Amino acid sequence: MALYLWMKTLHLTFLIAFMAVVFYLPRILVNLGEAGNLAPVRERLVLMAGRLYRFGHVMFGLTFAFGLVLWLGYRVLPDFPTMVAMGTGWMHAKLALVAALFAYHLWMGRRVKRIAAGGPLPSPGAMRVVNELPLLALVAILWLVLFKPF
């Protein structure tokens, strides 16, 4: 049981780091839009966004790896609890939302790469609205995990 709790602790730690990236990357895009074409500010923010985006990939990978162990570890680790049983439809819904969050992260990364290549700056207002979408997904994921409604 101690191994299970360690896996869950690491999964949640890396999840928190990934969600920080998901919340902050659009904020950098808001700042880029507000900075306009001020070259030094633009360069610095694009550099920050690129590094944050790469960090997000690492954090997602680690979150995914530990989540996979939590989900399917019973197959290879003796006495490991399982979450694969009847009534785990919530897990499929959670995984769909996680996939949507990762797709959102990839979309933000494409925007950063486009801006770094000299593309148009995003509208700060639109990015503020887009920045709120992951919060809705996170609330839904937490609800699914805690309540396991189906």
C-alpha atoms as a PDB file:
ATOM      1  CA  MET A   1       0.000   0.000   0.000  1.00  0.00           C
ATOM      2  CA  ALA A   2       2.931   2.364   0.646  1.00  0.00           C
ATOM      3  CA  LEU A   3       4.036   2.049  -2.988  1.00  0.00           C
ATOM      4  CA  TYR A   4       0.529   2.936  -4.133  1.00  0.00           C
ATOM      5  CA  LEU A   5       0.530   6.068  -1.951  1.00  0.00           C
ATOM      6  CA  TRP A   6       3.952   7.094  -3.288  1.00  0.00           C
ATOM      7  CA  MET A   7       2.737   6.673  -6.853  1.00  0.00           C
ATOM      8  CA  LYS A   8      -0.347   8.748  -6.083  1.00  0.00           C
ATOM      9  CA  THR A   9       1.764  11.450  -4.395  1.00  0.00           C
ATOM     10  CA  LEU A  10       4.091  11.701  -7.396  1.00  0.00           C
ATOM     11  CA  HIS A  11       1.159  11.671  -9.833  1.00  0.00           C
ATOM     12  CA  LEU A  12      -0.497  14.570  -7.998  1.00  0.00           C
ATOM     13  CA  THR A  13       2.766  16.513  -7.644  1.00  0.00           C
ATOM     14  CA  PHE A  14       3.489  16.387 -11.365  1.00  0.00           C
ATOM     15  CA  LEU A  15      -0.176  17.076 -12.134  1.00  0.00           C
ATOM     16  CA  ILE A  16       0.006  20.289 -10.095  1.00  0.00           C
ATOM     17  CA  ALA A  17       3.133  21.333 -11.992  1.00  0.00           C
ATOM     18  CA  PHE A  18       1.473  20.574 -15.350  1.00  0.00           C
ATOM     19  CA  MET A  19      -1.646  22.526 -14.408  1.00  0.00           C
ATOM     20  CA  ALA A  20       0.530  25.486 -13.414  1.00  0.00           C
ATOM     21  CA  VAL A  21       1.915  25.441 -16.956  1.00  0.00           C
ATOM     22  CA  VAL A  22      -1.569  25.137 -18.462  1.00  0.00           C
ATOM     23  CA  PHE A  23      -2.748  28.156 -16.450  1.00  0.00           C
ATOM     24  CA  TYR A  24       0.344  30.328 -16.933  1.00  0.00           C
ATOM     25  CA  LEU A  25       1.155  29.824 -20.613  1.00  0.00           C
ATOM     26  CA  PRO A  26      -1.960  31.691 -21.815  1.00  0.00           C
ATOM     27  CA  ARG A  27      -1.120  34.493 -19.362  1.00  0.00           C
ATOM     28  CA  ILE A  28       2.221  34.899 -21.098  1.00  0.00           C
ATOM     29  CA  LEU A  29       0.312  35.151 -24.379  1.00  0.00           C
ATOM     30  CA  VAL A  30      -1.892  37.850 -22.817  1.00  0.00           C
ATOM     31  CA  ASN A  31       1.258  39.752 -21.858  1.00  0.00           C
ATOM     32  CA  LEU A  32       2.634  39.291 -25.372  1.00  0.00           C
ATOM     33  CA  GLY A  33      -0.527  40.738 -26.848  1.00  0.00           C
ATOM     34  CA  GLU A  34      -0.401  43.702 -24.483  1.00  0.00           C
ATOM     35  CA  ALA A  35       3.298  44.335 -25.127  1.00  0.00           C
ATOM     36  CA  GLY A  36       2.677  44.725 -28.833  1.00  0.00           C
ATOM     37  CA  ASN A  37       5.791  44.785 -30.969  1.00  0.00           C
ATOM     38  CA  LEU A  38       8.277  45.923 -28.332  1.00  0.00           C
ATOM     39  CA  ALA A  39      11.148  43.681 -29.442  1.00  0.00           C
ATOM     40  CA  PRO A  40      12.945  43.150 -26.093  1.00  0.00           C
ATOM     41  CA  VAL A  41       9.713  42.377 -24.246  1.00  0.00           C
ATOM     42  CA  ARG A  42       8.502  40.123 -27.038  1.00  0.00           C
ATOM     43  CA  GLU A  43      11.792  38.192 -27.137  1.00  0.00           C
ATOM     44  CA  ARG A  44      11.804  37.677 -23.384  1.00  0.00           C
ATOM     45  CA  LEU A  45       8.194  36.550 -23.210  1.00  0.00           C
ATOM     46  CA  VAL A  46       8.598  34.194 -26.184  1.00  0.00           C
ATOM     47  CA  LEU A  47      11.686  32.705 -24.503  1.00  0.00           C
ATOM     48  CA  MET A  48       9.766  32.245 -21.246  1.00  0.00           C
ATOM     49  CA  ALA A  49       6.791  30.717 -23.066  1.00  0.00           C
ATOM     50  CA  GLY A  50       8.978  28.261 -24.976  1.00  0.00           C
ATOM     51  CA  ARG A  51      10.729  27.085 -21.839  1.00  0.00           C
ATOM     52  CA  LEU A  52       7.458  26.797 -19.963  1.00  0.00           C
ATOM     53  CA  TYR A  53       5.921  24.826 -22.828  1.00  0.00           C
ATOM     54  CA  ARG A  54       8.801  22.315 -22.814  1.00  0.00           C
ATOM     55  CA  PHE A  55       8.576  22.043 -19.017  1.00  0.00           C
ATOM     56  CA  GLY A  56       4.865  21.298 -19.415  1.00  0.00           C
ATOM     57  CA  HIS A  57       5.651  18.385 -21.720  1.00  0.00           C
ATOM     58  CA  VAL A  58       7.974  16.866 -19.141  1.00  0.00           C
ATOM     59  CA  MET A  59       5.446  17.354 -16.346  1.00  0.00           C
ATOM     60  CA  PHE A  60       2.647  15.845 -18.438  1.00  0.00           C
ATOM     61  CA  GLY A  61       4.832  12.864 -19.307  1.00  0.00           C
ATOM     62  CA  LEU A  62       5.628  12.199 -15.663  1.00  0.00           C
ATOM     63  CA  THR A  63       1.997  12.718 -14.641  1.00  0.00           C
ATOM     64  CA  PHE A  64       0.910  10.304 -17.352  1.00  0.00           C
ATOM     65  CA  ALA A  65       3.507   7.698 -16.383  1.00  0.00           C
ATOM     66  CA  PHE A  66       2.570   7.685 -12.708  1.00  0.00           C
ATOM     67  CA  GLY A  67      -1.125   7.783 -13.582  1.00  0.00           C
ATOM     68  CA  LEU A  68      -0.653   4.738 -15.789  1.00  0.00           C
ATOM     69  CA  VAL A  69       0.987   2.900 -12.895  1.00  0.00           C
ATOM     70  CA  LEU A  70      -1.931   3.864 -10.658  1.00  0.00           C
ATOM     71  CA  TRP A  71      -4.423   2.684 -13.248  1.00  0.00           C
ATOM     72  CA  LEU A  72      -2.765  -0.542 -14.412  1.00  0.00           C
ATOM     73  CA  GLY A  73      -0.063  -1.240 -11.836  1.00  0.00           C
ATOM     74  CA  TYR A  74      -1.969  -4.185 -10.431  1.00  0.00           C
ATOM     75  CA  ARG A  75      -0.932  -6.150 -13.528  1.00  0.00           C
ATOM     76  CA  VAL A  76       2.791  -6.005 -12.745  1.00  0.00           C
ATOM     77  CA  LEU A  77       3.119  -5.049  -9.070  1.00  0.00           C
ATOM     78  CA  PRO A  78       2.063  -7.587  -6.422  1.00  0.00           C
ATOM     79  CA  ASP A  79      -0.628  -6.419  -3.953  1.00  0.00           C
ATOM     80  CA  PHE A  80      -1.141  -3.178  -5.886  1.00  0.00           C
ATOM     81  CA  PRO A  81      -4.722  -1.843  -5.610  1.00  0.00           C
ATOM     82  CA  THR A  82      -6.697  -1.630  -8.829  1.00  0.00           C
ATOM     83  CA  MET A  83      -9.063   0.996 -10.175  1.00  0.00           C
ATOM     84  CA  VAL A  84     -10.064  -1.175 -13.130  1.00  0.00           C
ATOM     85  CA  ALA A  85     -13.369  -2.775 -12.260  1.00  0.00           C
ATOM     86  CA  MET A  86     -17.081  -2.435 -12.819  1.00  0.00           C
ATOM     87  CA  GLY A  87     -18.284   1.080 -12.209  1.00  0.00           C
ATOM     88  CA  THR A  88     -15.139   2.820 -13.438  1.00  0.00           C
ATOM     89  CA  GLY A  89     -16.771   4.748 -16.252  1.00  0.00           C
ATOM     90  CA  TRP A  90     -15.653   7.887 -14.461  1.00  0.00           C
ATOM     91  CA  MET A  91     -12.068   6.929 -15.366  1.00  0.00           C
ATOM     92  CA  HIS A  92     -12.864   7.019 -19.074  1.00  0.00           C
ATOM     93  CA  ALA A  93     -14.500  10.428 -18.711  1.00  0.00           C
ATOM     94  CA  LYS A  94     -11.485  11.649 -16.741  1.00  0.00           C
ATOM     95  CA  LEU A  95      -9.077  10.366 -19.385  1.00  0.00           C
ATOM     96  CA  ALA A  96     -11.086  12.123 -22.105  1.00  0.00           C
ATOM     97  CA  LEU A  97     -10.797  15.395 -20.185  1.00  0.00           C
ATOM     98  CA  VAL A  98      -7.071  14.803 -19.633  1.00  0.00           C
ATOM     99  CA  ALA A  99      -6.657  14.271 -23.377  1.00  0.00           C
ATOM    100  CA  ALA A 100      -8.538  17.531 -23.975  1.00  0.00           C
ATOM    101  CA  LEU A 101      -6.234  19.348 -21.532  1.00  0.00           C
ATOM    102  CA  PHE A 102      -3.178  17.989 -23.302  1.00  0.00           C
ATOM    103  CA  ALA A 103      -4.627  19.023 -26.678  1.00  0.00           C
ATOM    104  CA  TYR A 104      -5.180  22.502 -25.214  1.00  0.00           C
ATOM    105  CA  HIS A 105      -1.540  22.538 -24.075  1.00  0.00           C
ATOM    106  CA  LEU A 106      -0.391  21.558 -27.576  1.00  0.00           C
ATOM    107  CA  TRP A 107      -2.577  24.286 -29.080  1.00  0.00           C
ATOM    108  CA  MET A 108      -1.015  26.886 -26.777  1.00  0.00           C
ATOM    109  CA  GLY A 109       2.428  25.605 -27.786  1.00  0.00           C
ATOM    110  CA  ARG A 110       1.588  26.025 -31.467  1.00  0.00           C
ATOM    111  CA  ARG A 111       0.541  29.589 -30.783  1.00  0.00           C
ATOM    112  CA  VAL A 112       3.856  30.248 -29.020  1.00  0.00           C
ATOM    113  CA  LYS A 113       5.820  28.740 -31.918  1.00  0.00           C
ATOM    114  CA  ARG A 114       3.845  30.793 -34.442  1.00  0.00           C
ATOM    115  CA  ILE A 115       4.547  34.000 -32.493  1.00  0.00           C
ATOM    116  CA  ALA A 116       8.237  33.087 -32.179  1.00  0.00           C
ATOM    117  CA  ALA A 117       8.354  32.748 -35.976  1.00  0.00           C
ATOM    118  CA  GLY A 118       6.972  36.281 -36.347  1.00  0.00           C
ATOM    119  CA  GLY A 119       3.295  35.445 -36.487  1.00  0.00           C
ATOM    120  CA  PRO A 120       0.495  37.679 -35.272  1.00  0.00           C
ATOM    121  CA  LEU A 121       0.041  38.413 -31.599  1.00  0.00           C
ATOM    122  CA  PRO A 122      -3.085  37.102 -29.891  1.00  0.00           C
ATOM    123  CA  SER A 123      -5.858  39.330 -28.664  1.00  0.00           C
ATOM    124  CA  PRO A 124      -5.352  39.801 -24.901  1.00  0.00           C
ATOM    125  CA  GLY A 125      -9.107  39.694 -24.300  1.00  0.00           C
ATOM    126  CA  ALA A 126      -9.561  36.452 -26.203  1.00  0.00           C
ATOM    127  CA  MET A 127      -6.605  34.874 -24.409  1.00  0.00           C
ATOM    128  CA  ARG A 128      -8.117  35.834 -21.044  1.00  0.00           C
ATOM    129  CA  VAL A 129     -11.279  33.932 -21.961  1.00  0.00           C
ATOM    130  CA  VAL A 130      -9.325  30.961 -23.334  1.00  0.00           C
ATOM    131  CA  ASN A 131      -7.285  30.932 -20.119  1.00  0.00           C
ATOM    132  CA  GLU A 132     -10.393  29.982 -18.123  1.00  0.00           C
ATOM    133  CA  LEU A 133     -11.188  26.797 -20.067  1.00  0.00           C
ATOM    134  CA  PRO A 134      -8.656  24.561 -18.264  1.00  0.00           C
ATOM    135  CA  LEU A 135     -10.165  25.550 -14.921  1.00  0.00           C
ATOM    136  CA  LEU A 136     -13.510  24.098 -15.979  1.00  0.00           C
ATOM    137  CA  ALA A 137     -11.790  20.897 -17.100  1.00  0.00           C
ATOM    138  CA  LEU A 138      -9.855  20.661 -13.824  1.00  0.00           C
ATOM    139  CA  VAL A 139     -13.021  21.072 -11.753  1.00  0.00           C
ATOM    140  CA  ALA A 140     -14.719  18.344 -13.796  1.00  0.00           C
ATOM    141  CA  ILE A 141     -11.713  16.022 -13.418  1.00  0.00           C
ATOM    142  CA  LEU A 142     -11.561  16.542  -9.669  1.00  0.00           C
ATOM    143  CA  TRP A 143     -15.301  15.948  -9.388  1.00  0.00           C
ATOM    144  CA  LEU A 144     -14.994  12.701 -11.337  1.00  0.00           C
ATOM    145  CA  VAL A 145     -12.074  11.464  -9.249  1.00  0.00           C
ATOM    146  CA  LEU A 146     -13.572  12.358  -5.881  1.00  0.00           C
ATOM    147  CA  PHE A 147     -17.219  11.396  -6.485  1.00  0.00           C
ATOM    148  CA  LYS A 148     -16.740   8.547  -8.985  1.00  0.00           C
ATOM    149  CA  PRO A 149     -20.344   9.069 -10.153  1.00  0.00           C
ATOM    150  CA  PHE A 150     -20.482   6.196 -12.646  1.00  0.00           C
END
